[in-house]
């Protein structure tokens, strides 16, 4: 009787440990596979008028997005981490900002200022 209880207890412990290890591995894989979206809107600082057709770049990556008619842009499937967003558009001062992107994503409101040569 004692031997049966000991084997049952041992089996239960092995089962619990196995389930714990499997769930931890599964959780770690979910974290590694997480991606995020970085999006935003580009407007003129003086009037909040949208700026379309502007290239938005992630420095150090071969990723570029162009603002649409509503001044919106989006980068999808990015790994959480630190990125530098750069905009260089004719008639505007260069805009650059380092952002920290979490798995929840981030939305930027970018206001471009006219360059000294005017809009």
PDB file of N, CA and C in Angstrom:
ATOM      1  N   UNK A   1       0.827  -1.190   0.000  1.00  0.00           N
ATOM      2  CA  UNK A   1       0.000   0.000   0.000  1.00  0.00           C
ATOM      3  C   UNK A   1       0.877   1.263   0.000  1.00  0.00           C
ATOM      4  N   UNK A   2       1.890   1.252   0.874  1.00  0.00           N
ATOM      5  CA  UNK A   2       2.790   2.387   0.963  1.00  0.00           C
ATOM      6  C   UNK A   2       3.492   2.618  -0.366  1.00  0.00           C
ATOM      7  N   UNK A   3       3.892   1.553  -1.050  1.00  0.00           N
ATOM      8  CA  UNK A   3       4.586   1.641  -2.326  1.00  0.00           C
ATOM      9  C   UNK A   3       3.687   2.234  -3.412  1.00  0.00           C
ATOM     10  N   UNK A   4       2.408   1.896  -3.399  1.00  0.00           N
ATOM     11  CA  UNK A   4       1.459   2.429  -4.380  1.00  0.00           C
ATOM     12  C   UNK A   4       1.276   3.932  -4.168  1.00  0.00           C
ATOM     13  N   UNK A   5       1.138   4.354  -2.912  1.00  0.00           N
ATOM     14  CA  UNK A   5       0.983   5.791  -2.618  1.00  0.00           C
ATOM     15  C   UNK A   5       2.239   6.567  -3.033  1.00  0.00           C
ATOM     16  N   UNK A   6       3.404   5.955  -2.783  1.00  0.00           N
ATOM     17  CA  UNK A   6       4.662   6.608  -3.139  1.00  0.00           C
ATOM     18  C   UNK A   6       4.773   6.770  -4.653  1.00  0.00           C
ATOM     19  N   UNK A   7       4.399   5.731  -5.408  1.00  0.00           N
ATOM     20  CA  UNK A   7       4.442   5.812  -6.870  1.00  0.00           C
ATOM     21  C   UNK A   7       3.443   6.847  -7.392  1.00  0.00           C
ATOM     22  N   UNK A   8       2.266   6.905  -6.797  1.00  0.00           N
ATOM     23  CA  UNK A   8       1.247   7.875  -7.220  1.00  0.00           C
ATOM     24  C   UNK A   8       1.725   9.302  -6.959  1.00  0.00           C
ATOM     25  N   UNK A   9       2.318   9.517  -5.795  1.00  0.00           N
ATOM     26  CA  UNK A   9       2.836  10.837  -5.462  1.00  0.00           C
ATOM     27  C   UNK A   9       3.971  11.222  -6.419  1.00  0.00           C
ATOM     28  N   UNK A  10       4.858  10.275  -6.680  1.00  0.00           N
ATOM     29  CA  UNK A  10       5.964  10.514  -7.602  1.00  0.00           C
ATOM     30  C   UNK A  10       5.437  10.845  -9.002  1.00  0.00           C
ATOM     31  N   UNK A  11       4.464  10.104  -9.466  1.00  0.00           N
ATOM     32  CA  UNK A  11       3.870  10.341 -10.789  1.00  0.00           C
ATOM     33  C   UNK A  11       3.218  11.722 -10.861  1.00  0.00           C
ATOM     34  N   UNK A  12       2.517  12.090  -9.794  1.00  0.00           N
ATOM     35  CA  UNK A  12       1.868  13.404  -9.763  1.00  0.00           C
ATOM     36  C   UNK A  12       2.905  14.521  -9.817  1.00  0.00           C
ATOM     37  N   UNK A  13       3.994  14.381  -9.082  1.00  0.00           N
ATOM     38  CA  UNK A  13       5.047  15.397  -9.087  1.00  0.00           C
ATOM     39  C   UNK A  13       5.702  15.512 -10.465  1.00  0.00           C
ATOM     40  N   UNK A  14       5.971  14.386 -11.094  1.00  0.00           N
ATOM     41  CA  UNK A  14       6.566  14.397 -12.433  1.00  0.00           C
ATOM     42  C   UNK A  14       5.619  15.066 -13.424  1.00  0.00           C
ATOM     43  N   UNK A  15       4.334  14.777 -13.319  1.00  0.00           N
ATOM     44  CA  UNK A  15       3.337  15.391 -14.196  1.00  0.00           C
ATOM     45  C   UNK A  15       3.290  16.904 -14.006  1.00  0.00           C
ATOM     46  N   UNK A  16       3.284  17.340 -12.770  1.00  0.00           N
ATOM     47  CA  UNK A  16       3.238  18.782 -12.479  1.00  0.00           C
ATOM     48  C   UNK A  16       4.501  19.475 -12.992  1.00  0.00           C
ATOM     49  N   UNK A  17       5.647  18.884 -12.741  1.00  0.00           N
ATOM     50  CA  UNK A  17       6.901  19.473 -13.238  1.00  0.00           C
ATOM     51  C   UNK A  17       6.911  19.544 -14.763  1.00  0.00           C
ATOM     52  N   UNK A  18       6.475  18.491 -15.404  1.00  0.00           N
ATOM     53  CA  UNK A  18       6.429  18.472 -16.861  1.00  0.00           C
ATOM     54  C   UNK A  18       5.517  19.550 -17.422  1.00  0.00           C
ATOM     55  N   UNK A  19       4.350  19.705 -16.817  1.00  0.00           N
ATOM     56  CA  UNK A  19       3.413  20.738 -17.280  1.00  0.00           C
ATOM     57  C   UNK A  19       3.988  22.127 -17.065  1.00  0.00           C
ATOM     58  N   UNK A  20       4.677  22.326 -15.953  1.00  0.00           N
ATOM     59  CA  UNK A  20       5.291  23.623 -15.668  1.00  0.00           C
ATOM     60  C   UNK A  20       6.367  23.945 -16.703  1.00  0.00           C
ATOM     61  N   UNK A  21       7.208  22.981 -17.017  1.00  0.00           N
ATOM     62  CA  UNK A  21       8.258  23.214 -18.010  1.00  0.00           C
ATOM     63  C   UNK A  21       7.678  23.504 -19.385  1.00  0.00           C
ATOM     64  N   UNK A  22       6.658  22.767 -19.789  1.00  0.00           N
ATOM     65  CA  UNK A  22       6.037  22.983 -21.096  1.00  0.00           C
ATOM     66  C   UNK A  22       5.403  24.365 -21.158  1.00  0.00           C
ATOM     67  N   UNK A  23       4.716  24.784 -20.097  1.00  0.00           N
ATOM     68  CA  UNK A  23       4.070  26.101 -20.129  1.00  0.00           C
ATOM     69  C   UNK A  23       5.104  27.216 -20.149  1.00  0.00           C
ATOM     70  N   UNK A  24       6.235  27.038 -19.455  1.00  0.00           N
ATOM     71  CA  UNK A  24       7.284  28.057 -19.474  1.00  0.00           C
ATOM     72  C   UNK A  24       7.915  28.167 -20.850  1.00  0.00           C
ATOM     73  N   UNK A  25       8.160  27.062 -21.517  1.00  0.00           N
ATOM     74  CA  UNK A  25       8.730  27.075 -22.868  1.00  0.00           C
ATOM     75  C   UNK A  25       7.746  27.737 -23.826  1.00  0.00           C
ATOM     76  N   UNK A  26       6.491  27.406 -23.704  1.00  0.00           N
ATOM     77  CA  UNK A  26       5.463  27.991 -24.563  1.00  0.00           C
ATOM     78  C   UNK A  26       5.382  29.497 -24.358  1.00  0.00           C
ATOM     79  N   UNK A  27       5.420  29.947 -23.117  1.00  0.00           N
ATOM     80  CA  UNK A  27       5.362  31.374 -22.812  1.00  0.00           C
ATOM     81  C   UNK A  27       6.574  32.099 -23.381  1.00  0.00           C
ATOM     82  N   UNK A  28       7.760  31.500 -23.253  1.00  0.00           N
ATOM     83  CA  UNK A  28       8.975  32.123 -23.782  1.00  0.00           C
ATOM     84  C   UNK A  28       8.906  32.242 -25.296  1.00  0.00           C
ATOM     85  N   UNK A  29       8.353  31.244 -25.972  1.00  0.00           N
ATOM     86  CA  UNK A  29       8.226  31.317 -27.422  1.00  0.00           C
ATOM     87  C   UNK A  29       7.257  32.414 -27.828  1.00  0.00           C
ATOM     88  N   UNK A  30       6.194  32.614 -27.079  1.00  0.00           N
ATOM     89  CA  UNK A  30       5.243  33.675 -27.398  1.00  0.00           C
ATOM     90  C   UNK A  30       5.921  35.029 -27.299  1.00  0.00           C
ATOM     91  N   UNK A  31       6.752  35.238 -26.304  1.00  0.00           N
ATOM     92  CA  UNK A  31       7.443  36.511 -26.158  1.00  0.00           C
ATOM     93  C   UNK A  31       8.388  36.754 -27.331  1.00  0.00           C
ATOM     94  N   UNK A  32       9.111  35.717 -27.765  1.00  0.00           N
ATOM     95  CA  UNK A  32      10.065  35.868 -28.856  1.00  0.00           C
ATOM     96  C   UNK A  32       9.373  36.176 -30.179  1.00  0.00           C
ATOM     97  N   UNK A  33       8.153  35.682 -30.347  1.00  0.00           N
ATOM     98  CA  UNK A  33       7.440  35.853 -31.606  1.00  0.00           C
ATOM     99  C   UNK A  33       6.623  37.143 -31.661  1.00  0.00           C
ATOM    100  N   UNK A  34       6.610  37.928 -30.588  1.00  0.00           N
ATOM    101  CA  UNK A  34       5.755  39.111 -30.566  1.00  0.00           C
ATOM    102  C   UNK A  34       6.285  40.192 -31.504  1.00  0.00           C
ATOM    103  N   UNK A  35       5.360  40.820 -32.191  1.00  0.00           N
ATOM    104  CA  UNK A  35       5.710  41.930 -33.061  1.00  0.00           C
ATOM    105  C   UNK A  35       4.806  43.099 -32.719  1.00  0.00           C
ATOM    106  N   UNK A  36       5.180  44.243 -33.205  1.00  0.00           N
ATOM    107  CA  UNK A  36       4.432  45.449 -32.895  1.00  0.00           C
ATOM    108  C   UNK A  36       4.306  46.328 -34.131  1.00  0.00           C
ATOM    109  N   UNK A  37       3.401  47.282 -34.033  1.00  0.00           N
ATOM    110  CA  UNK A  37       3.175  48.239 -35.109  1.00  0.00           C
ATOM    111  C   UNK A  37       3.554  49.637 -34.630  1.00  0.00           C
ATOM    112  N   UNK A  38       4.292  50.347 -35.462  1.00  0.00           N
ATOM    113  CA  UNK A  38       4.612  51.751 -35.228  1.00  0.00           C
ATOM    114  C   UNK A  38       3.872  52.541 -36.293  1.00  0.00           C
ATOM    115  N   UNK A  39       3.010  53.432 -35.860  1.00  0.00           N
ATOM    116  CA  UNK A  39       2.245  54.230 -36.816  1.00  0.00           C
ATOM    117  C   UNK A  39       2.258  55.685 -36.374  1.00  0.00           C
ATOM    118  N   UNK A  40       1.731  56.541 -37.237  1.00  0.00           N
ATOM    119  CA  UNK A  40       1.693  57.943 -36.875  1.00  0.00           C
ATOM    120  C   UNK A  40       1.081  58.808 -37.942  1.00  0.00           C
ATOM    121  N   UNK A  41       1.034  60.094 -37.613  1.00  0.00           N
ATOM    122  CA  UNK A  41       0.485  61.102 -38.509  1.00  0.00           C
ATOM    123  C   UNK A  41       1.469  62.266 -38.584  1.00  0.00           C
ATOM    124  N   UNK A  42       1.677  62.760 -39.803  1.00  0.00           N
ATOM    125  CA  UNK A  42       2.605  63.867 -40.024  1.00  0.00           C
ATOM    126  C   UNK A  42       1.809  65.087 -40.461  1.00  0.00           C
ATOM    127  N   UNK A  43       2.002  66.199 -39.721  1.00  0.00           N
ATOM    128  CA  UNK A  43       1.298  67.448 -40.023  1.00  0.00           C
ATOM    129  C   UNK A  43       2.280  68.609 -39.993  1.00  0.00           C
ATOM    130  N   UNK A  44       1.843  69.739 -40.554  1.00  0.00           N
ATOM    131  CA  UNK A  44       2.616  70.974 -40.459  1.00  0.00           C
ATOM    132  C   UNK A  44       2.450  71.534 -39.056  1.00  0.00           C
ATOM    133  N   UNK A  45       3.550  71.924 -38.438  1.00  0.00           N
ATOM    134  CA  UNK A  45       3.502  72.434 -37.064  1.00  0.00           C
ATOM    135  C   UNK A  45       2.669  73.706 -36.955  1.00  0.00           C
ATOM    136  N   UNK A  46       2.709  74.548 -37.965  1.00  0.00           N
ATOM    137  CA  UNK A  46       2.036  75.847 -37.889  1.00  0.00           C
ATOM    138  C   UNK A  46       0.522  75.757 -38.057  1.00  0.00           C
ATOM    139  N   UNK A  47       0.042  74.804 -38.850  1.00  0.00           N
ATOM    140  CA  UNK A  47      -1.386  74.783 -39.178  1.00  0.00           C
ATOM    141  C   UNK A  47      -2.089  73.443 -38.911  1.00  0.00           C
ATOM    142  N   UNK A  48      -1.336  72.433 -38.501  1.00  0.00           N
ATOM    143  CA  UNK A  48      -1.862  71.072 -38.327  1.00  0.00           C
ATOM    144  C   UNK A  48      -2.432  70.486 -39.612  1.00  0.00           C
ATOM    145  N   UNK A  49      -2.049  71.059 -40.752  1.00  0.00           N
ATOM    146  CA  UNK A  49      -2.450  70.529 -42.051  1.00  0.00           C
ATOM    147  C   UNK A  49      -1.620  69.275 -42.335  1.00  0.00           C
ATOM    148  N   UNK A  50      -2.276  68.223 -42.843  1.00  0.00           N
ATOM    149  CA  UNK A  50      -1.560  66.968 -43.089  1.00  0.00           C
ATOM    150  C   UNK A  50      -0.496  67.148 -44.161  1.00  0.00           C
ATOM    151  N   UNK A  51       0.567  66.350 -44.043  1.00  0.00           N
ATOM    152  CA  UNK A  51       1.648  66.354 -45.021  1.00  0.00           C
ATOM    153  C   UNK A  51       1.682  64.962 -45.639  1.00  0.00           C
ATOM    154  N   UNK A  52       1.292  64.872 -46.891  1.00  0.00           N
ATOM    155  CA  UNK A  52       1.269  63.578 -47.578  1.00  0.00           C
ATOM    156  C   UNK A  52       2.492  63.425 -48.471  1.00  0.00           C
ATOM    157  N   UNK A  53       2.819  62.180 -48.809  1.00  0.00           N
ATOM    158  CA  UNK A  53       3.929  61.905 -49.706  1.00  0.00           C
ATOM    159  C   UNK A  53       5.299  62.054 -49.090  1.00  0.00           C
ATOM    160  N   UNK A  54       5.382  62.055 -47.755  1.00  0.00           N
ATOM    161  CA  UNK A  54       6.654  62.217 -47.059  1.00  0.00           C
ATOM    162  C   UNK A  54       7.178  60.835 -46.662  1.00  0.00           C
ATOM    163  N   UNK A  55       8.470  60.603 -46.896  1.00  0.00           N
ATOM    164  CA  UNK A  55       9.079  59.329 -46.509  1.00  0.00           C
ATOM    165  C   UNK A  55       9.465  59.350 -45.033  1.00  0.00           C
ATOM    166  N   UNK A  56       9.043  58.313 -44.326  1.00  0.00           N
ATOM    167  CA  UNK A  56       9.386  58.111 -42.915  1.00  0.00           C
ATOM    168  C   UNK A  56      10.295  56.891 -42.874  1.00  0.00           C
ATOM    169  N   UNK A  57      11.473  57.044 -42.278  1.00  0.00           N
ATOM    170  CA  UNK A  57      12.451  55.955 -42.267  1.00  0.00           C
ATOM    171  C   UNK A  57      12.781  55.519 -40.849  1.00  0.00           C
ATOM    172  N   UNK A  58      13.125  54.241 -40.720  1.00  0.00           N
ATOM    173  CA  UNK A  58      13.666  53.725 -39.470  1.00  0.00           C
ATOM    174  C   UNK A  58      15.171  53.591 -39.679  1.00  0.00           C
ATOM    175  N   UNK A  59      15.928  54.452 -39.002  1.00  0.00           N
ATOM    176  CA  UNK A  59      17.375  54.502 -39.180  1.00  0.00           C
ATOM    177  C   UNK A  59      18.000  53.159 -38.808  1.00  0.00           C
ATOM    178  N   UNK A  60      18.912  52.713 -39.657  1.00  0.00           N
ATOM    179  CA  UNK A  60      19.606  51.459 -39.418  1.00  0.00           C
ATOM    180  C   UNK A  60      18.876  50.242 -39.955  1.00  0.00           C
ATOM    181  N   UNK A  61      17.642  50.411 -40.376  1.00  0.00           N
ATOM    182  CA  UNK A  61      16.881  49.323 -40.983  1.00  0.00           C
ATOM    183  C   UNK A  61      16.554  49.706 -42.412  1.00  0.00           C
ATOM    184  N   UNK A  62      16.316  48.726 -43.213  1.00  0.00           N
ATOM    185  CA  UNK A  62      15.922  48.988 -44.592  1.00  0.00           C
ATOM    186  C   UNK A  62      14.402  49.073 -44.661  1.00  0.00           C
ATOM    187  N   UNK A  63      13.837  49.973 -43.857  1.00  0.00           N
ATOM    188  CA  UNK A  63      12.377  50.126 -43.810  1.00  0.00           C
ATOM    189  C   UNK A  63      12.010  51.580 -44.033  1.00  0.00           C
ATOM    190  N   UNK A  64      11.044  51.766 -44.936  1.00  0.00           N
ATOM    191  CA  UNK A  64      10.583  53.110 -45.254  1.00  0.00           C
ATOM    192  C   UNK A  64       9.084  53.035 -45.497  1.00  0.00           C
ATOM    193  N   UNK A  65       8.376  54.060 -45.019  1.00  0.00           N
ATOM    194  CA  UNK A  65       6.941  54.184 -45.283  1.00  0.00           C
ATOM    195  C   UNK A  65       6.698  55.593 -45.797  1.00  0.00           C
ATOM    196  N   UNK A  66       5.677  55.748 -46.598  1.00  0.00           N
ATOM    197  CA  UNK A  66       5.318  57.059 -47.151  1.00  0.00           C
ATOM    198  C   UNK A  66       3.948  57.450 -46.608  1.00  0.00           C
ATOM    199  N   UNK A  67       3.829  58.704 -46.178  1.00  0.00           N
ATOM    200  CA  UNK A  67       2.544  59.155 -45.646  1.00  0.00           C
ATOM    201  C   UNK A  67       1.490  59.182 -46.752  1.00  0.00           C
ATOM    202  N   UNK A  68       0.267  58.801 -46.388  1.00  0.00           N
ATOM    203  CA  UNK A  68      -0.837  58.786 -47.352  1.00  0.00           C
ATOM    204  C   UNK A  68      -1.528  60.153 -47.402  1.00  0.00           C
ATOM    205  N   UNK A  69      -2.670  60.241 -48.045  1.00  0.00           N
ATOM    206  CA  UNK A  69      -3.395  61.513 -48.205  1.00  0.00           C
ATOM    207  C   UNK A  69      -3.835  62.116 -46.875  1.00  0.00           C
ATOM    208  N   UNK A  70      -3.951  61.275 -45.846  1.00  0.00           N
ATOM    209  CA  UNK A  70      -4.322  61.764 -44.507  1.00  0.00           C
ATOM    210  C   UNK A  70      -3.088  62.005 -43.627  1.00  0.00           C
ATOM    211  N   UNK A  71      -1.892  61.896 -44.225  1.00  0.00           N
ATOM    212  CA  UNK A  71      -0.649  62.115 -43.485  1.00  0.00           C
ATOM    213  C   UNK A  71      -0.252  60.937 -42.607  1.00  0.00           C
ATOM    214  N   UNK A  72      -0.912  59.790 -42.786  1.00  0.00           N
ATOM    215  CA  UNK A  72      -0.677  58.622 -41.940  1.00  0.00           C
ATOM    216  C   UNK A  72       0.394  57.701 -42.545  1.00  0.00           C
ATOM    217  N   UNK A  73       1.144  57.034 -41.659  1.00  0.00           N
ATOM    218  CA  UNK A  73       2.116  56.020 -42.073  1.00  0.00           C
ATOM    219  C   UNK A  73       2.066  54.874 -41.065  1.00  0.00           C
ATOM    220  N   UNK A  74       2.637  53.731 -41.454  1.00  0.00           N
ATOM    221  CA  UNK A  74       2.629  52.574 -40.563  1.00  0.00           C
ATOM    222  C   UNK A  74       3.755  51.613 -40.903  1.00  0.00           C
ATOM    223  N   UNK A  75       4.389  51.098 -39.859  1.00  0.00           N
ATOM    224  CA  UNK A  75       5.363  50.017 -39.968  1.00  0.00           C
ATOM    225  C   UNK A  75       4.801  48.855 -39.157  1.00  0.00           C
ATOM    226  N   UNK A  76       4.681  47.690 -39.792  1.00  0.00           N
ATOM    227  CA  UNK A  76       4.140  46.522 -39.101  1.00  0.00           C
ATOM    228  C   UNK A  76       5.208  45.458 -38.930  1.00  0.00           C
ATOM    229  N   UNK A  77       4.930  44.510 -38.055  1.00  0.00           N
ATOM    230  CA  UNK A  77       5.812  43.360 -37.805  1.00  0.00           C
ATOM    231  C   UNK A  77       7.202  43.764 -37.331  1.00  0.00           C
ATOM    232  N   UNK A  78       7.265  44.771 -36.461  1.00  0.00           N
ATOM    233  CA  UNK A  78       8.541  45.168 -35.868  1.00  0.00           C
ATOM    234  C   UNK A  78       8.717  44.450 -34.541  1.00  0.00           C
ATOM    235  N   UNK A  79       9.935  44.103 -34.232  1.00  0.00           N
ATOM    236  CA  UNK A  79      10.240  43.520 -32.925  1.00  0.00           C
ATOM    237  C   UNK A  79      10.247  44.649 -31.892  1.00  0.00           C
ATOM    238  N   UNK A  80       9.753  44.401 -30.700  1.00  0.00           N
ATOM    239  CA  UNK A  80       9.865  45.419 -29.652  1.00  0.00           C
ATOM    240  C   UNK A  80      11.328  45.801 -29.451  1.00  0.00           C
ATOM    241  N   UNK A  81      11.581  47.080 -29.224  1.00  0.00           N
ATOM    242  CA  UNK A  81      12.948  47.555 -29.039  1.00  0.00           C
ATOM    243  C   UNK A  81      13.025  49.051 -29.270  1.00  0.00           C
ATOM    244  N   UNK A  82      14.242  49.540 -29.455  1.00  0.00           N
ATOM    245  CA  UNK A  82      14.482  50.973 -29.647  1.00  0.00           C
ATOM    246  C   UNK A  82      14.752  51.240 -31.126  1.00  0.00           C
ATOM    247  N   UNK A  83      14.071  52.248 -31.645  1.00  0.00           N
ATOM    248  CA  UNK A  83      14.204  52.631 -33.057  1.00  0.00           C
ATOM    249  C   UNK A  83      14.386  54.139 -33.150  1.00  0.00           C
ATOM    250  N   UNK A  84      15.068  54.572 -34.213  1.00  0.00           N
ATOM    251  CA  UNK A  84      15.187  55.995 -34.500  1.00  0.00           C
ATOM    252  C   UNK A  84      14.383  56.282 -35.756  1.00  0.00           C
ATOM    253  N   UNK A  85      13.390  57.156 -35.607  1.00  0.00           N
ATOM    254  CA  UNK A  85      12.516  57.544 -36.715  1.00  0.00           C
ATOM    255  C   UNK A  85      13.078  58.829 -37.310  1.00  0.00           C
ATOM    256  N   UNK A  86      13.210  58.853 -38.640  1.00  0.00           N
ATOM    257  CA  UNK A  86      13.798  60.010 -39.328  1.00  0.00           C
ATOM    258  C   UNK A  86      12.892  60.431 -40.482  1.00  0.00           C
ATOM    259  N   UNK A  87      12.669  61.750 -40.568  1.00  0.00           N
ATOM    260  CA  UNK A  87      11.944  62.320 -41.705  1.00  0.00           C
ATOM    261  C   UNK A  87      12.776  63.465 -42.253  1.00  0.00           C
ATOM    262  N   UNK A  88      13.071  63.388 -43.550  1.00  0.00           N
ATOM    263  CA  UNK A  88      13.754  64.472 -44.253  1.00  0.00           C
ATOM    264  C   UNK A  88      12.915  64.784 -45.474  1.00  0.00           C
ATOM    265  N   UNK A  89      12.222  65.915 -45.440  1.00  0.00           N
ATOM    266  CA  UNK A  89      11.315  66.282 -46.526  1.00  0.00           C
ATOM    267  C   UNK A  89      11.653  67.676 -47.037  1.00  0.00           C
ATOM    268  N   UNK A  90      11.537  67.859 -48.347  1.00  0.00           N
ATOM    269  CA  UNK A  90      11.801  69.167 -48.945  1.00  0.00           C
ATOM    270  C   UNK A  90      10.892  70.218 -48.318  1.00  0.00           C
ATOM    271  N   UNK A  91      11.501  71.337 -47.941  1.00  0.00           N
ATOM    272  CA  UNK A  91      10.750  72.451 -47.380  1.00  0.00           C
ATOM    273  C   UNK A  91      10.562  72.375 -45.869  1.00  0.00           C
ATOM    274  N   UNK A  92      11.058  71.320 -45.247  1.00  0.00           N
ATOM    275  CA  UNK A  92      10.886  71.140 -43.801  1.00  0.00           C
ATOM    276  C   UNK A  92      12.220  70.816 -43.145  1.00  0.00           C
ATOM    277  N   UNK A  93      12.337  71.195 -41.868  1.00  0.00           N
ATOM    278  CA  UNK A  93      13.513  70.815 -41.088  1.00  0.00           C
ATOM    279  C   UNK A  93      13.465  69.311 -40.865  1.00  0.00           C
ATOM    280  N   UNK A  94      14.640  68.697 -40.856  1.00  0.00           N
ATOM    281  CA  UNK A  94      14.720  67.261 -40.594  1.00  0.00           C
ATOM    282  C   UNK A  94      14.157  66.976 -39.205  1.00  0.00           C
ATOM    283  N   UNK A  95      13.435  65.870 -39.096  1.00  0.00           N
ATOM    284  CA  UNK A  95      12.829  65.458 -37.834  1.00  0.00           C
ATOM    285  C   UNK A  95      13.391  64.097 -37.474  1.00  0.00           C
ATOM    286  N   UNK A  96      13.836  63.945 -36.218  1.00  0.00           N
ATOM    287  CA  UNK A  96      14.454  62.699 -35.788  1.00  0.00           C
ATOM    288  C   UNK A  96      14.106  62.462 -34.322  1.00  0.00           C
ATOM    289  N   UNK A  97      13.699  61.219 -34.016  1.00  0.00           N
ATOM    290  CA  UNK A  97      13.361  60.911 -32.631  1.00  0.00           C
ATOM    291  C   UNK A  97      13.616  59.433 -32.360  1.00  0.00           C
ATOM    292  N   UNK A  98      14.214  59.147 -31.212  1.00  0.00           N
ATOM    293  CA  UNK A  98      14.413  57.771 -30.776  1.00  0.00           C
ATOM    294  C   UNK A  98      13.196  57.358 -29.954  1.00  0.00           C
ATOM    295  N   UNK A  99      12.627  56.225 -30.285  1.00  0.00           N
ATOM    296  CA  UNK A  99      11.434  55.756 -29.580  1.00  0.00           C
ATOM    297  C   UNK A  99      11.671  54.330 -29.074  1.00  0.00           C
ATOM    298  N   UNK A 100      10.978  54.001 -28.001  1.00  0.00           N
ATOM    299  CA  UNK A 100      10.997  52.635 -27.476  1.00  0.00           C
ATOM    300  C   UNK A 100       9.663  52.011 -27.825  1.00  0.00           C
ATOM    301  N   UNK A 101       9.726  50.926 -28.555  1.00  0.00           N
ATOM    302  CA  UNK A 101       8.529  50.241 -29.027  1.00  0.00           C
ATOM    303  C   UNK A 101       8.300  48.986 -28.197  1.00  0.00           C
ATOM    304  N   UNK A 102       7.121  48.900 -27.585  1.00  0.00           N
ATOM    305  CA  UNK A 102       6.755  47.699 -26.831  1.00  0.00           C
ATOM    306  C   UNK A 102       5.866  46.830 -27.714  1.00  0.00           C
ATOM    307  N   UNK A 103       5.509  45.677 -27.225  1.00  0.00           N
ATOM    308  CA  UNK A 103       4.661  44.772 -28.007  1.00  0.00           C
ATOM    309  C   UNK A 103       3.265  45.351 -28.220  1.00  0.00           C
ATOM    310  N   UNK A 104       2.906  46.373 -27.464  1.00  0.00           N
ATOM    311  CA  UNK A 104       1.604  47.024 -27.624  1.00  0.00           C
ATOM    312  C   UNK A 104       1.583  48.009 -28.786  1.00  0.00           C
ATOM    313  N   UNK A 105       2.761  48.337 -29.321  1.00  0.00           N
ATOM    314  CA  UNK A 105       2.838  49.277 -30.430  1.00  0.00           C
ATOM    315  C   UNK A 105       2.910  50.715 -29.956  1.00  0.00           C
ATOM    316  N   UNK A 106       3.008  51.617 -30.917  1.00  0.00           N
ATOM    317  CA  UNK A 106       3.124  53.042 -30.587  1.00  0.00           C
ATOM    318  C   UNK A 106       2.585  53.864 -31.741  1.00  0.00           C
ATOM    319  N   UNK A 107       1.966  54.996 -31.392  1.00  0.00           N
ATOM    320  CA  UNK A 107       1.469  55.945 -32.383  1.00  0.00           C
ATOM    321  C   UNK A 107       2.142  57.292 -32.139  1.00  0.00           C
ATOM    322  N   UNK A 108       2.689  57.863 -33.199  1.00  0.00           N
ATOM    323  CA  UNK A 108       3.388  59.145 -33.109  1.00  0.00           C
ATOM    324  C   UNK A 108       2.573  60.262 -33.761  1.00  0.00           C
ATOM    325  N   UNK A 109       2.633  61.442 -33.184  1.00  0.00           N
ATOM    326  CA  UNK A 109       2.088  62.662 -33.791  1.00  0.00           C
ATOM    327  C   UNK A 109       3.288  63.542 -34.114  1.00  0.00           C
ATOM    328  N   UNK A 110       3.587  63.663 -35.400  1.00  0.00           N
ATOM    329  CA  UNK A 110       4.796  64.362 -35.832  1.00  0.00           C
ATOM    330  C   UNK A 110       4.413  65.694 -36.446  1.00  0.00           C
ATOM    331  N   UNK A 111       5.039  66.764 -35.939  1.00  0.00           N
ATOM    332  CA  UNK A 111       4.797  68.115 -36.438  1.00  0.00           C
ATOM    333  C   UNK A 111       6.074  68.627 -37.093  1.00  0.00           C
ATOM    334  N   UNK A 112       6.005  68.793 -38.406  1.00  0.00           N
ATOM    335  CA  UNK A 112       7.167  69.284 -39.148  1.00  0.00           C
ATOM    336  C   UNK A 112       7.183  70.798 -39.175  1.00  0.00           C
ATOM    337  N   UNK A 113       8.373  71.349 -38.983  1.00  0.00           N
ATOM    338  CA  UNK A 113       8.558  72.805 -39.034  1.00  0.00           C
ATOM    339  C   UNK A 113       9.178  73.178 -40.361  1.00  0.00           C
ATOM    340  N   UNK A 114       8.788  74.312 -40.924  1.00  0.00           N
ATOM    341  CA  UNK A 114       9.358  74.722 -42.214  1.00  0.00           C
ATOM    342  C   UNK A 114      10.849  74.986 -42.082  1.00  0.00           C
ATOM    343  N   UNK A 115      11.575  74.681 -43.164  1.00  0.00           N
ATOM    344  CA  UNK A 115      12.995  74.983 -43.168  1.00  0.00           C
ATOM    345  C   UNK A 115      13.176  76.488 -43.348  1.00  0.00           C
ATOM    346  N   UNK A 116      14.374  76.964 -43.190  1.00  0.00           N
ATOM    347  CA  UNK A 116      14.637  78.402 -43.305  1.00  0.00           C
ATOM    348  C   UNK A 116      14.369  78.924 -44.707  1.00  0.00           C
ATOM    349  N   UNK A 117      14.273  78.019 -45.681  1.00  0.00           N
ATOM    350  CA  UNK A 117      14.015  78.418 -47.049  1.00  0.00           C
ATOM    351  C   UNK A 117      12.515  78.574 -47.299  1.00  0.00           C
ATOM    352  N   UNK A 118      11.688  78.237 -46.289  1.00  0.00           N
ATOM    353  CA  UNK A 118      10.235  78.389 -46.435  1.00  0.00           C
ATOM    354  C   UNK A 118       9.572  77.117 -46.873  1.00  0.00           C
ATOM    355  N   UNK A 119       8.245  77.139 -46.859  1.00  0.00           N
ATOM    356  CA  UNK A 119       7.473  75.973 -47.265  1.00  0.00           C
ATOM    357  C   UNK A 119       7.351  76.017 -48.737  1.00  0.00           C
TER     358      UNK A 119
END
